[in-house]
Amino acid sequence: MKEIFRLCMVLTLIAAVSAGVLAFVSEKTAEPIAKAALEEKMSAVRAILPPFDNEPDKDIVKIAKEDGSIVEIYRGRKEGAIVGVAFEVVSPDGYSGDINFMVGVNIDGVVQGIEILKHLETPGLGAKITDADFKVKYSGKSLTDPENWAVTKDGGTFVPITGATISSRAITKATHGGLEFFAKNREGILSDGDAGQKTENNTEENKGGDQ
């Protein structure tokens, strides 16, 4: 009986020490990980905005979507005027899971570029969504150009990566969704009023009031 009690005490002590070590490591690494993630995002923002002379990470407006999620909009300015914005899009339609990427558009809603932030696509196939020659397919596109936002296998314009139609389709669909989001909330996004949280509904109401 004593032996069982001793073993229980040893195991409890080991578990307590392990939990303490994990908590310590988590606390010490949380901030560096958050900083690295932010820098990765801002690097993408800088790559897909038109030339700007402000600090987009300090010029943010947040839009609350109808599903309750919040989209942070990074605004690039030139001599005080907004020249473009960048925001994160999440596609749930990737081959292996979500694909997170940034979409940059100018004030007319024309794509300036996309940058992949996170994905689990297959190396050598779907992972080619990070290649420059794939991403550039979306630059210069808008809601009306092309008219059919789909990969060629679905009768659309965008040529998919060979062997990775699902990944290509996911990026195409999500980029189009990002453009729709921008168009729907354009007034609130580009407003020079208080930078803060707005909602899709409020933005629509504002549009209605102007008409």
C-alpha atoms as a PDB file:
ATOM      1  CA  MET A   1       0.000   0.000   0.000  1.00  0.00           C
ATOM      2  CA  LYS A   2       2.848   2.298   0.875  1.00  0.00           C
ATOM      3  CA  GLU A   3       4.454   1.581  -2.468  1.00  0.00           C
ATOM      4  CA  ILE A   4       1.290   2.542  -4.373  1.00  0.00           C
ATOM      5  CA  PHE A   5       0.984   5.743  -2.370  1.00  0.00           C
ATOM      6  CA  ARG A   6       4.626   6.568  -3.076  1.00  0.00           C
ATOM      7  CA  LEU A   7       4.155   6.026  -6.809  1.00  0.00           C
ATOM      8  CA  CYS A   8       1.075   8.229  -6.816  1.00  0.00           C
ATOM      9  CA  MET A   9       2.989  10.997  -5.088  1.00  0.00           C
ATOM     10  CA  VAL A  10       5.855  10.720  -7.566  1.00  0.00           C
ATOM     11  CA  LEU A  11       3.503  10.837 -10.549  1.00  0.00           C
ATOM     12  CA  THR A  12       1.629  13.802  -9.078  1.00  0.00           C
ATOM     13  CA  LEU A  13       4.897  15.638  -8.525  1.00  0.00           C
ATOM     14  CA  ILE A  14       6.056  14.930 -12.090  1.00  0.00           C
ATOM     15  CA  ALA A  15       2.719  16.118 -13.509  1.00  0.00           C
ATOM     16  CA  ALA A  16       2.832  19.292 -11.431  1.00  0.00           C
ATOM     17  CA  VAL A  17       6.396  20.078 -12.496  1.00  0.00           C
ATOM     18  CA  SER A  18       5.575  19.386 -16.160  1.00  0.00           C
ATOM     19  CA  ALA A  19       2.524  21.637 -16.039  1.00  0.00           C
ATOM     20  CA  GLY A  20       4.599  24.368 -14.455  1.00  0.00           C
ATOM     21  CA  VAL A  21       7.293  24.096 -17.105  1.00  0.00           C
ATOM     22  CA  LEU A  22       4.716  24.196 -19.918  1.00  0.00           C
ATOM     23  CA  ALA A  23       3.012  27.234 -18.417  1.00  0.00           C
ATOM     24  CA  PHE A  24       6.363  28.993 -18.047  1.00  0.00           C
ATOM     25  CA  VAL A  25       7.388  28.234 -21.632  1.00  0.00           C
ATOM     26  CA  SER A  26       3.971  29.300 -22.944  1.00  0.00           C
ATOM     27  CA  GLU A  27       4.158  32.600 -21.089  1.00  0.00           C
ATOM     28  CA  LYS A  28       7.695  33.316 -22.275  1.00  0.00           C
ATOM     29  CA  THR A  29       7.009  32.451 -25.928  1.00  0.00           C
ATOM     30  CA  ALA A  30       3.535  33.988 -26.353  1.00  0.00           C
ATOM     31  CA  GLU A  31       4.784  37.526 -26.928  1.00  0.00           C
ATOM     32  CA  PRO A  32       7.570  36.627 -29.418  1.00  0.00           C
ATOM     33  CA  ILE A  33       5.135  34.414 -31.350  1.00  0.00           C
ATOM     34  CA  ALA A  34       2.557  37.220 -31.485  1.00  0.00           C
ATOM     35  CA  LYS A  35       5.216  39.691 -32.645  1.00  0.00           C
ATOM     36  CA  ALA A  36       6.398  37.303 -35.360  1.00  0.00           C
ATOM     37  CA  ALA A  37       2.823  36.774 -36.580  1.00  0.00           C
ATOM     38  CA  LEU A  38       2.204  40.527 -36.687  1.00  0.00           C
ATOM     39  CA  GLU A  39       5.435  41.169 -38.570  1.00  0.00           C
ATOM     40  CA  GLU A  40       4.524  38.459 -41.093  1.00  0.00           C
ATOM     41  CA  LYS A  41       1.139  40.097 -41.609  1.00  0.00           C
ATOM     42  CA  MET A  42       2.612  43.576 -41.955  1.00  0.00           C
ATOM     43  CA  SER A  43       5.206  42.311 -44.413  1.00  0.00           C
ATOM     44  CA  ALA A  44       2.316  41.026 -46.537  1.00  0.00           C
ATOM     45  CA  VAL A  45       0.472  44.335 -46.157  1.00  0.00           C
ATOM     46  CA  ARG A  46       3.511  46.281 -47.357  1.00  0.00           C
ATOM     47  CA  ALA A  47       3.835  43.982 -50.372  1.00  0.00           C
ATOM     48  CA  ILE A  48       0.272  44.374 -51.635  1.00  0.00           C
ATOM     49  CA  LEU A  49      -0.575  48.022 -50.985  1.00  0.00           C
ATOM     50  CA  PRO A  50      -0.001  50.740 -53.591  1.00  0.00           C
ATOM     51  CA  PRO A  51       2.961  53.018 -52.702  1.00  0.00           C
ATOM     52  CA  PHE A  52       2.226  54.722 -49.379  1.00  0.00           C
ATOM     53  CA  ASP A  53       3.988  56.995 -46.894  1.00  0.00           C
ATOM     54  CA  ASN A  54       2.097  56.316 -43.668  1.00  0.00           C
ATOM     55  CA  GLU A  55       2.114  53.427 -41.187  1.00  0.00           C
ATOM     56  CA  PRO A  56      -0.800  51.118 -42.110  1.00  0.00           C
ATOM     57  CA  ASP A  57      -0.474  49.203 -38.837  1.00  0.00           C
ATOM     58  CA  LYS A  58      -1.453  52.439 -37.066  1.00  0.00           C
ATOM     59  CA  ASP A  59      -4.245  53.326 -39.491  1.00  0.00           C
ATOM     60  CA  ILE A  60      -6.697  50.510 -38.942  1.00  0.00           C
ATOM     61  CA  VAL A  61     -10.462  50.379 -39.185  1.00  0.00           C
ATOM     62  CA  LYS A  62     -12.363  47.317 -37.993  1.00  0.00           C
ATOM     63  CA  ILE A  63     -15.483  46.038 -39.683  1.00  0.00           C
ATOM     64  CA  ALA A  64     -17.820  43.698 -37.792  1.00  0.00           C
ATOM     65  CA  LYS A  65     -19.275  41.154 -40.199  1.00  0.00           C
ATOM     66  CA  GLU A  66     -22.788  39.824 -39.841  1.00  0.00           C
ATOM     67  CA  ASP A  67     -21.435  36.540 -38.501  1.00  0.00           C
ATOM     68  CA  GLY A  68     -19.804  38.421 -35.630  1.00  0.00           C
ATOM     69  CA  SER A  69     -16.237  38.134 -36.865  1.00  0.00           C
ATOM     70  CA  ILE A  70     -14.072  41.238 -37.030  1.00  0.00           C
ATOM     71  CA  VAL A  71     -12.018  42.189 -40.081  1.00  0.00           C
ATOM     72  CA  GLU A  72      -9.106  44.558 -39.569  1.00  0.00           C
ATOM     73  CA  ILE A  73      -8.508  46.882 -42.492  1.00  0.00           C
ATOM     74  CA  TYR A  74      -4.998  48.320 -42.905  1.00  0.00           C
ATOM     75  CA  ARG A  75      -5.124  51.600 -44.801  1.00  0.00           C
ATOM     76  CA  GLY A  76      -2.242  52.897 -46.884  1.00  0.00           C
ATOM     77  CA  ARG A  77      -2.033  56.652 -47.485  1.00  0.00           C
ATOM     78  CA  LYS A  78      -0.023  58.936 -49.749  1.00  0.00           C
ATOM     79  CA  GLU A  79       0.237  62.540 -48.592  1.00  0.00           C
ATOM     80  CA  GLY A  80      -2.729  61.956 -46.320  1.00  0.00           C
ATOM     81  CA  ALA A  81      -5.072  60.424 -48.880  1.00  0.00           C
ATOM     82  CA  ILE A  82      -5.999  56.754 -48.756  1.00  0.00           C
ATOM     83  CA  VAL A  83      -4.576  54.966 -51.784  1.00  0.00           C
ATOM     84  CA  GLY A  84      -5.415  51.379 -50.888  1.00  0.00           C
ATOM     85  CA  VAL A  85      -6.300  48.949 -48.140  1.00  0.00           C
ATOM     86  CA  ALA A  86      -5.341  45.423 -47.163  1.00  0.00           C
ATOM     87  CA  PHE A  87      -7.257  42.879 -45.136  1.00  0.00           C
ATOM     88  CA  GLU A  88      -7.108  39.190 -44.282  1.00  0.00           C
ATOM     89  CA  VAL A  89      -9.303  36.639 -46.006  1.00  0.00           C
ATOM     90  CA  VAL A  90      -9.831  33.080 -44.794  1.00  0.00           C
ATOM     91  CA  SER A  91     -10.841  30.423 -47.278  1.00  0.00           C
ATOM     92  CA  PRO A  92     -12.329  27.254 -45.744  1.00  0.00           C
ATOM     93  CA  ASP A  93     -12.155  25.501 -49.110  1.00  0.00           C
ATOM     94  CA  GLY A  94      -8.500  24.528 -49.213  1.00  0.00           C
ATOM     95  CA  TYR A  95      -7.565  20.904 -49.961  1.00  0.00           C
ATOM     96  CA  SER A  96      -6.182  20.397 -46.460  1.00  0.00           C
ATOM     97  CA  GLY A  97      -7.902  23.094 -44.462  1.00  0.00           C
ATOM     98  CA  ASP A  98      -8.181  26.832 -44.147  1.00  0.00           C
ATOM     99  CA  ILE A  99      -6.058  29.130 -46.266  1.00  0.00           C
ATOM    100  CA  ASN A 100      -5.345  32.546 -44.735  1.00  0.00           C
ATOM    101  CA  PHE A 101      -4.169  35.298 -47.013  1.00  0.00           C
ATOM    102  CA  MET A 102      -4.093  39.061 -47.377  1.00  0.00           C
ATOM    103  CA  VAL A 103      -5.830  40.894 -50.204  1.00  0.00           C
ATOM    104  CA  GLY A 104      -4.758  44.397 -51.184  1.00  0.00           C
ATOM    105  CA  VAL A 105      -7.025  46.660 -53.225  1.00  0.00           C
ATOM    106  CA  ASN A 106      -6.898  50.261 -54.345  1.00  0.00           C
ATOM    107  CA  ILE A 107      -9.764  52.636 -53.581  1.00  0.00           C
ATOM    108  CA  ASP A 108     -11.530  51.556 -56.782  1.00  0.00           C
ATOM    109  CA  GLY A 109     -11.618  47.954 -55.624  1.00  0.00           C
ATOM    110  CA  VAL A 110      -8.945  46.675 -57.995  1.00  0.00           C
ATOM    111  CA  VAL A 111      -6.721  43.937 -56.597  1.00  0.00           C
ATOM    112  CA  GLN A 112      -3.144  45.103 -56.059  1.00  0.00           C
ATOM    113  CA  GLY A 113      -1.926  41.740 -54.874  1.00  0.00           C
ATOM    114  CA  ILE A 114      -2.459  38.787 -52.581  1.00  0.00           C
ATOM    115  CA  GLU A 115      -0.049  37.273 -50.067  1.00  0.00           C
ATOM    116  CA  ILE A 116      -0.507  33.873 -48.468  1.00  0.00           C
ATOM    117  CA  LEU A 117      -0.161  33.888 -44.687  1.00  0.00           C
ATOM    118  CA  LYS A 118      -0.975  30.321 -43.688  1.00  0.00           C
ATOM    119  CA  HIS A 119      -1.984  27.104 -45.408  1.00  0.00           C
ATOM    120  CA  LEU A 120      -1.773  23.323 -45.171  1.00  0.00           C
ATOM    121  CA  GLU A 121      -1.852  22.575 -48.893  1.00  0.00           C
ATOM    122  CA  THR A 122       0.146  19.710 -50.398  1.00  0.00           C
ATOM    123  CA  PRO A 123       3.842  20.497 -50.972  1.00  0.00           C
ATOM    124  CA  GLY A 124       4.626  20.636 -54.686  1.00  0.00           C
ATOM    125  CA  LEU A 125       0.953  20.944 -55.634  1.00  0.00           C
ATOM    126  CA  GLY A 126      -1.462  23.149 -53.718  1.00  0.00           C
ATOM    127  CA  ALA A 127       1.428  24.794 -51.908  1.00  0.00           C
ATOM    128  CA  LYS A 128       2.246  26.510 -55.196  1.00  0.00           C
ATOM    129  CA  ILE A 129      -0.404  29.073 -54.279  1.00  0.00           C
ATOM    130  CA  THR A 130       2.520  30.899 -52.675  1.00  0.00           C
ATOM    131  CA  ASP A 131       4.359  31.161 -56.011  1.00  0.00           C
ATOM    132  CA  ALA A 132       4.602  34.642 -57.506  1.00  0.00           C
ATOM    133  CA  ASP A 133       3.412  33.497 -60.942  1.00  0.00           C
ATOM    134  CA  PHE A 134       0.212  32.188 -59.386  1.00  0.00           C
ATOM    135  CA  LYS A 135      -0.516  35.150 -57.125  1.00  0.00           C
ATOM    136  CA  VAL A 136      -0.019  37.644 -59.940  1.00  0.00           C
ATOM    137  CA  LYS A 137      -3.060  36.174 -61.746  1.00  0.00           C
ATOM    138  CA  TYR A 138      -5.272  38.186 -59.400  1.00  0.00           C
ATOM    139  CA  SER A 139      -3.503  41.530 -59.638  1.00  0.00           C
ATOM    140  CA  GLY A 140      -5.436  44.100 -61.639  1.00  0.00           C
ATOM    141  CA  LYS A 141      -8.705  42.189 -61.293  1.00  0.00           C
ATOM    142  CA  SER A 142     -11.941  43.640 -59.960  1.00  0.00           C
ATOM    143  CA  LEU A 143     -15.521  42.506 -59.417  1.00  0.00           C
ATOM    144  CA  THR A 144     -16.365  43.311 -63.023  1.00  0.00           C
ATOM    145  CA  ASP A 145     -13.114  42.188 -64.638  1.00  0.00           C
ATOM    146  CA  PRO A 146     -13.328  39.315 -65.234  1.00  0.00           C
ATOM    147  CA  GLU A 147     -17.070  38.789 -65.275  1.00  0.00           C
ATOM    148  CA  ASN A 148     -16.758  35.124 -64.355  1.00  0.00           C
ATOM    149  CA  TRP A 149     -14.704  34.684 -61.220  1.00  0.00           C
ATOM    150  CA  ALA A 150     -13.919  30.980 -61.443  1.00  0.00           C
ATOM    151  CA  VAL A 151     -11.148  28.649 -62.539  1.00  0.00           C
ATOM    152  CA  THR A 152     -11.202  27.496 -66.148  1.00  0.00           C
ATOM    153  CA  LYS A 153     -12.407  24.003 -65.160  1.00  0.00           C
ATOM    154  CA  ASP A 154     -15.552  25.688 -63.849  1.00  0.00           C
ATOM    155  CA  GLY A 155     -15.949  27.819 -66.960  1.00  0.00           C
ATOM    156  CA  GLY A 156     -14.122  30.811 -65.535  1.00  0.00           C
ATOM    157  CA  THR A 157     -11.040  32.838 -66.354  1.00  0.00           C
ATOM    158  CA  PHE A 158      -8.379  31.730 -63.906  1.00  0.00           C
ATOM    159  CA  VAL A 159      -6.053  28.935 -64.972  1.00  0.00           C
ATOM    160  CA  PRO A 160      -5.564  26.638 -61.976  1.00  0.00           C
ATOM    161  CA  ILE A 161      -2.283  25.191 -60.814  1.00  0.00           C
ATOM    162  CA  THR A 162      -1.757  21.819 -62.485  1.00  0.00           C
ATOM    163  CA  GLY A 163      -2.937  19.118 -60.109  1.00  0.00           C
ATOM    164  CA  ALA A 164      -4.200  21.652 -57.592  1.00  0.00           C
ATOM    165  CA  THR A 165      -7.573  22.806 -58.847  1.00  0.00           C
ATOM    166  CA  ILE A 166      -9.103  22.714 -55.369  1.00  0.00           C
ATOM    167  CA  SER A 167      -6.469  25.052 -53.957  1.00  0.00           C
ATOM    168  CA  SER A 168      -6.742  27.379 -56.959  1.00  0.00           C
ATOM    169  CA  ARG A 169     -10.518  27.377 -56.738  1.00  0.00           C
ATOM    170  CA  ALA A 170     -10.331  28.225 -53.034  1.00  0.00           C
ATOM    171  CA  ILE A 171      -8.107  31.255 -53.644  1.00  0.00           C
ATOM    172  CA  THR A 172     -10.242  32.459 -56.559  1.00  0.00           C
ATOM    173  CA  LYS A 173     -13.500  32.170 -54.628  1.00  0.00           C
ATOM    174  CA  ALA A 174     -12.082  33.816 -51.490  1.00  0.00           C
ATOM    175  CA  THR A 175     -10.472  36.679 -53.412  1.00  0.00           C
ATOM    176  CA  HIS A 176     -13.794  37.370 -55.116  1.00  0.00           C
ATOM    177  CA  GLY A 177     -15.467  37.272 -51.696  1.00  0.00           C
ATOM    178  CA  GLY A 178     -12.905  39.774 -50.437  1.00  0.00           C
ATOM    179  CA  LEU A 179     -13.762  42.147 -53.278  1.00  0.00           C
ATOM    180  CA  GLU A 180     -17.454  41.828 -52.477  1.00  0.00           C
ATOM    181  CA  PHE A 181     -16.698  42.573 -48.841  1.00  0.00           C
ATOM    182  CA  PHE A 182     -14.742  45.693 -49.819  1.00  0.00           C
ATOM    183  CA  ALA A 183     -17.484  46.904 -52.164  1.00  0.00           C
ATOM    184  CA  LYS A 184     -20.137  46.377 -49.515  1.00  0.00           C
ATOM    185  CA  ASN A 185     -18.189  48.260 -46.844  1.00  0.00           C
ATOM    186  CA  ARG A 186     -16.264  50.694 -49.033  1.00  0.00           C
ATOM    187  CA  GLU A 187     -17.718  53.828 -47.521  1.00  0.00           C
ATOM    188  CA  GLY A 188     -16.931  52.810 -43.962  1.00  0.00           C
ATOM    189  CA  ILE A 189     -13.476  51.508 -44.889  1.00  0.00           C
ATOM    190  CA  LEU A 190     -12.407  54.682 -46.667  1.00  0.00           C
ATOM    191  CA  SER A 191     -14.132  57.068 -44.298  1.00  0.00           C
ATOM    192  CA  ASP A 192     -11.798  59.499 -42.575  1.00  0.00           C
ATOM    193  CA  GLY A 193     -14.081  59.570 -39.587  1.00  0.00           C
ATOM    194  CA  ASP A 194     -13.196  57.859 -36.367  1.00  0.00           C
ATOM    195  CA  ALA A 195     -11.022  54.848 -37.057  1.00  0.00           C
ATOM    196  CA  GLY A 196     -12.617  52.109 -35.058  1.00  0.00           C
ATOM    197  CA  GLN A 197     -15.165  49.395 -35.237  1.00  0.00           C
ATOM    198  CA  LYS A 198     -17.966  49.667 -37.735  1.00  0.00           C
ATOM    199  CA  THR A 199     -20.523  47.144 -38.849  1.00  0.00           C
ATOM    200  CA  GLU A 200     -21.639  45.982 -42.253  1.00  0.00           C
ATOM    201  CA  ASN A 201     -25.208  47.003 -41.396  1.00  0.00           C
ATOM    202  CA  ASN A 202     -24.201  50.505 -40.303  1.00  0.00           C
ATOM    203  CA  THR A 203     -22.218  50.948 -43.482  1.00  0.00           C
ATOM    204  CA  GLU A 204     -25.183  49.922 -45.565  1.00  0.00           C
ATOM    205  CA  GLU A 205     -27.386  52.347 -43.671  1.00  0.00           C
ATOM    206  CA  ASN A 206     -24.931  55.132 -44.381  1.00  0.00           C
ATOM    207  CA  LYS A 207     -25.002  54.268 -48.063  1.00  0.00           C
ATOM    208  CA  GLY A 208     -28.780  54.440 -48.023  1.00  0.00           C
ATOM    209  CA  GLY A 209     -28.715  57.860 -46.400  1.00  0.00           C
ATOM    210  CA  ASP A 210     -26.532  59.271 -49.142  1.00  0.00           C
ATOM    211  CA  GLN A 211     -28.846  58.258 -51.940  1.00  0.00           C
END
